[in-house]
Amino acid sequence: MSEPASISSGIAARYATALFDLAKEEGALAQLEADADALSAALAVSDDLRAVIASPVITRDEQAGAMAAISRAMNLSGLTASTLGLMASKRRLFVLPQMAADLSARIAAEKGEVTAEVTSAAALTSDQAAKLTATLKAKIGKDVKLKTAVDETLIGGLVVKLGSTMIDTSVKSKLAALQNAMKEVG
């Protein structure tokens, strides 16, 4: 990991830890989870939001005003809104994506959940997602939350990442393995 990335993850972890601990004391982890999910979703779709948190041209006051407006519009908790204001005043909003991810991980660990990253060739139906969740839960003995993505280059099958374990049943990987086996023969 590069030094700037390490510094950013350290800053994000400190804010996430403080926010998590405060929310836990107040019994507001469910609201914090909703806030973290909403912020992650907004960051994923909004170029303007990413520009506001990353631009060195935007002043602290402008960032604080923008984050206050976003907090109201997204109906974020007072605790989250205050934290975003503090981050803006300290010029630390650039770590917001890492902080939201860290918060989600802490909340999942508190709830005894693990997150499985599932990539499929086509979007999973709700029935397929439920069956996959049940299968993974039976395998690891913990509640599983799916984070799904679609990659049409897989042709078919799934790639499931659960912690440090990866299960790749995609047609693409099977074709690649076959191609490698044929190279060894020839």
Protein backbone atom coordinates (compact mmCIF):
# COMPACT_ATOMS: atom_id res chain seq x y z
CA MET A 1 0.00 0.00 0.00
CA SER A 2 1.38 3.39 -0.86
CA GLU A 3 2.01 5.91 1.88
CA PRO A 4 -0.77 8.37 0.86
CA ALA A 5 -3.28 5.50 0.69
CA SER A 6 -2.13 4.30 4.10
CA ILE A 7 -2.53 7.78 5.55
CA SER A 8 -6.01 8.11 4.03
CA SER A 9 -7.14 4.74 5.38
CA GLY A 10 -5.80 5.70 8.81
CA ILE A 11 -7.77 8.96 8.79
CA ALA A 12 -10.91 7.17 7.58
CA ALA A 13 -10.53 4.51 10.28
CA ARG A 14 -10.25 7.11 13.05
CA TYR A 15 -13.41 8.93 11.96
CA ALA A 16 -15.24 5.62 11.44
CA THR A 17 -14.21 4.35 14.87
CA ALA A 18 -15.34 7.54 16.61
CA LEU A 19 -18.65 7.68 14.74
CA PHE A 20 -19.30 3.97 15.32
CA ASP A 21 -18.55 4.19 19.04
CA LEU A 22 -20.81 7.23 19.49
CA ALA A 23 -23.66 5.61 17.56
CA LYS A 24 -23.26 2.41 19.57
CA GLU A 25 -23.44 4.37 22.85
CA GLU A 26 -26.62 6.07 21.64
CA GLY A 27 -28.12 2.81 20.36
CA ALA A 28 -28.25 4.26 16.86
CA LEU A 29 -26.35 1.63 14.87
CA ALA A 30 -29.33 0.94 12.59
CA GLN A 31 -29.52 4.63 11.61
CA LEU A 32 -25.74 4.74 11.17
CA GLU A 33 -25.92 1.71 8.88
CA ALA A 34 -28.59 3.43 6.78
CA ASP A 35 -26.46 6.60 6.66
CA ALA A 36 -23.33 4.70 5.58
CA ASP A 37 -25.27 2.83 2.88
CA ALA A 38 -26.85 6.06 1.63
CA LEU A 39 -23.50 7.86 1.50
CA SER A 40 -21.85 4.95 -0.33
CA ALA A 41 -24.69 4.87 -2.86
CA ALA A 42 -24.56 8.64 -3.37
CA LEU A 43 -20.80 8.58 -3.86
CA ALA A 44 -21.16 5.78 -6.41
CA VAL A 45 -23.60 7.70 -8.61
CA SER A 46 -22.79 11.39 -8.12
CA ASP A 47 -19.82 12.92 -9.89
CA ASP A 48 -20.70 16.25 -8.27
CA LEU A 49 -20.51 14.82 -4.75
CA ARG A 50 -17.15 13.18 -5.50
CA ALA A 51 -15.92 16.54 -6.86
CA VAL A 52 -17.08 18.41 -3.74
CA ILE A 53 -15.25 16.08 -1.35
CA ALA A 54 -12.06 15.89 -3.40
CA SER A 55 -11.57 19.38 -4.87
CA PRO A 56 -8.89 21.54 -3.25
CA VAL A 57 -10.49 24.58 -4.92
CA ILE A 58 -13.68 24.33 -2.86
CA THR A 59 -13.26 26.11 0.48
CA ARG A 60 -13.91 24.54 3.87
CA ASP A 61 -17.01 26.69 4.34
CA GLU A 62 -18.38 25.70 0.92
CA GLN A 63 -17.73 22.03 1.67
CA ALA A 64 -19.40 22.35 5.08
CA GLY A 65 -22.42 24.06 3.52
CA ALA A 66 -22.67 21.44 0.80
CA MET A 67 -22.43 18.59 3.30
CA ALA A 68 -25.07 20.20 5.54
CA ALA A 69 -27.43 20.47 2.56
CA ILE A 70 -26.70 16.89 1.51
CA SER A 71 -27.26 15.67 5.08
CA ARG A 72 -30.67 17.37 5.17
CA ALA A 73 -31.64 16.12 1.70
CA MET A 74 -30.60 12.55 2.53
CA ASN A 75 -32.18 12.74 6.00
CA LEU A 76 -28.92 11.67 7.68
CA SER A 77 -28.78 11.41 11.46
CA GLY A 78 -27.54 14.38 13.47
CA LEU A 79 -24.48 12.40 14.50
CA THR A 80 -23.52 11.65 10.90
CA ALA A 81 -24.27 15.22 9.79
CA SER A 82 -22.09 16.61 12.60
CA THR A 83 -19.26 14.27 11.67
CA LEU A 84 -19.46 15.36 8.02
CA GLY A 85 -19.35 19.00 9.14
CA LEU A 86 -16.30 18.30 11.28
CA MET A 87 -14.61 16.48 8.40
CA ALA A 88 -15.32 19.47 6.13
CA SER A 89 -13.86 21.92 8.65
CA LYS A 90 -10.71 19.79 8.90
CA ARG A 91 -10.47 19.24 5.09
CA ARG A 92 -10.87 15.48 5.55
CA LEU A 93 -13.89 14.80 3.30
CA PHE A 94 -11.64 13.12 0.75
CA VAL A 95 -11.67 9.99 2.96
CA LEU A 96 -15.49 9.76 2.96
CA PRO A 97 -15.65 6.69 0.65
CA GLN A 98 -13.18 4.78 2.83
CA MET A 99 -14.96 5.90 6.01
CA ALA A 100 -18.36 4.71 4.72
CA ALA A 101 -16.87 1.33 3.78
CA ASP A 102 -15.15 1.07 7.18
CA LEU A 103 -18.43 1.90 8.95
CA SER A 104 -20.29 -0.76 6.99
CA ALA A 105 -17.64 -3.33 7.89
CA ARG A 106 -17.73 -2.41 11.60
CA ILE A 107 -21.53 -2.57 11.72
CA ALA A 108 -21.55 -5.93 9.92
CA ALA A 109 -18.99 -7.31 12.38
CA GLU A 110 -21.08 -6.03 15.30
CA LYS A 111 -24.14 -7.78 13.88
CA GLY A 112 -22.20 -11.00 13.23
CA GLU A 113 -22.59 -10.60 9.47
CA VAL A 114 -20.10 -11.14 6.72
CA THR A 115 -20.30 -9.60 3.28
CA ALA A 116 -19.94 -11.76 0.21
CA GLU A 117 -19.02 -10.00 -3.02
CA VAL A 118 -20.84 -11.81 -5.79
CA THR A 119 -20.16 -11.14 -9.46
CA SER A 120 -22.41 -12.82 -12.00
CA ALA A 121 -22.86 -12.74 -15.76
CA ALA A 122 -26.47 -11.56 -15.34
CA ALA A 123 -28.28 -9.92 -12.44
CA LEU A 124 -29.35 -12.42 -9.79
CA THR A 125 -33.07 -12.86 -9.22
CA SER A 126 -34.31 -12.45 -5.66
CA ASP A 127 -34.83 -16.23 -5.49
CA GLN A 128 -31.25 -16.92 -6.64
CA ALA A 129 -29.89 -14.37 -4.16
CA ALA A 130 -31.89 -15.94 -1.32
CA LYS A 131 -30.65 -19.45 -2.18
CA LEU A 132 -27.05 -18.24 -2.42
CA THR A 133 -27.36 -16.42 0.92
CA ALA A 134 -28.79 -19.54 2.58
CA THR A 135 -26.04 -21.75 1.13
CA LEU A 136 -23.28 -19.41 2.27
CA LYS A 137 -24.85 -19.05 5.72
CA ALA A 138 -24.95 -22.84 6.08
CA LYS A 139 -21.31 -23.06 5.02
CA ILE A 140 -19.88 -20.42 7.37
CA GLY A 141 -22.46 -20.29 10.14
CA LYS A 142 -22.94 -16.51 10.04
CA ASP A 143 -25.45 -14.20 8.45
CA VAL A 144 -24.36 -13.23 4.95
CA LYS A 145 -25.04 -9.95 3.20
CA LEU A 146 -24.60 -10.03 -0.57
CA LYS A 147 -22.91 -7.25 -2.49
CA THR A 148 -23.73 -8.05 -6.09
CA ALA A 149 -22.23 -6.88 -9.37
CA VAL A 150 -22.73 -7.88 -12.99
CA ASP A 151 -19.86 -8.69 -15.36
CA GLU A 152 -21.10 -9.97 -18.69
CA THR A 153 -17.61 -11.16 -19.67
CA LEU A 154 -18.03 -14.08 -17.23
CA ILE A 155 -20.38 -15.65 -19.82
CA GLY A 156 -22.09 -17.67 -17.08
CA GLY A 157 -21.63 -18.76 -13.48
CA LEU A 158 -20.53 -16.79 -10.42
CA VAL A 159 -17.48 -15.43 -8.70
CA VAL A 160 -18.00 -15.28 -4.92
CA LYS A 161 -15.50 -13.56 -2.62
CA LEU A 162 -16.06 -14.24 1.05
CA GLY A 163 -13.27 -12.82 3.15
CA SER A 164 -10.04 -14.30 1.82
CA THR A 165 -11.86 -17.15 0.06
CA MET A 166 -12.79 -16.91 -3.60
CA ILE A 167 -15.04 -19.37 -5.38
CA ASP A 168 -14.96 -18.97 -9.16
CA THR A 169 -17.49 -21.06 -11.08
CA SER A 170 -17.59 -18.77 -14.11
CA VAL A 171 -17.46 -20.12 -17.64
CA LYS A 172 -14.74 -17.57 -18.39
CA SER A 173 -12.37 -19.07 -15.79
CA LYS A 174 -13.15 -22.61 -16.93
CA LEU A 175 -12.34 -21.66 -20.52
CA ALA A 176 -9.10 -20.01 -19.37
CA ALA A 177 -8.14 -23.17 -17.42
CA LEU A 178 -8.89 -25.30 -20.49
CA GLN A 179 -6.80 -23.00 -22.66
CA ASN A 180 -3.87 -23.28 -20.23
CA ALA A 181 -4.20 -27.08 -20.12
CA MET A 182 -4.14 -27.23 -23.91
CA LYS A 183 -0.99 -25.09 -24.04
CA GLU A 184 0.77 -27.56 -21.72
CA VAL A 185 -0.17 -30.52 -23.90
CA GLY A 186 0.89 -28.96 -27.21
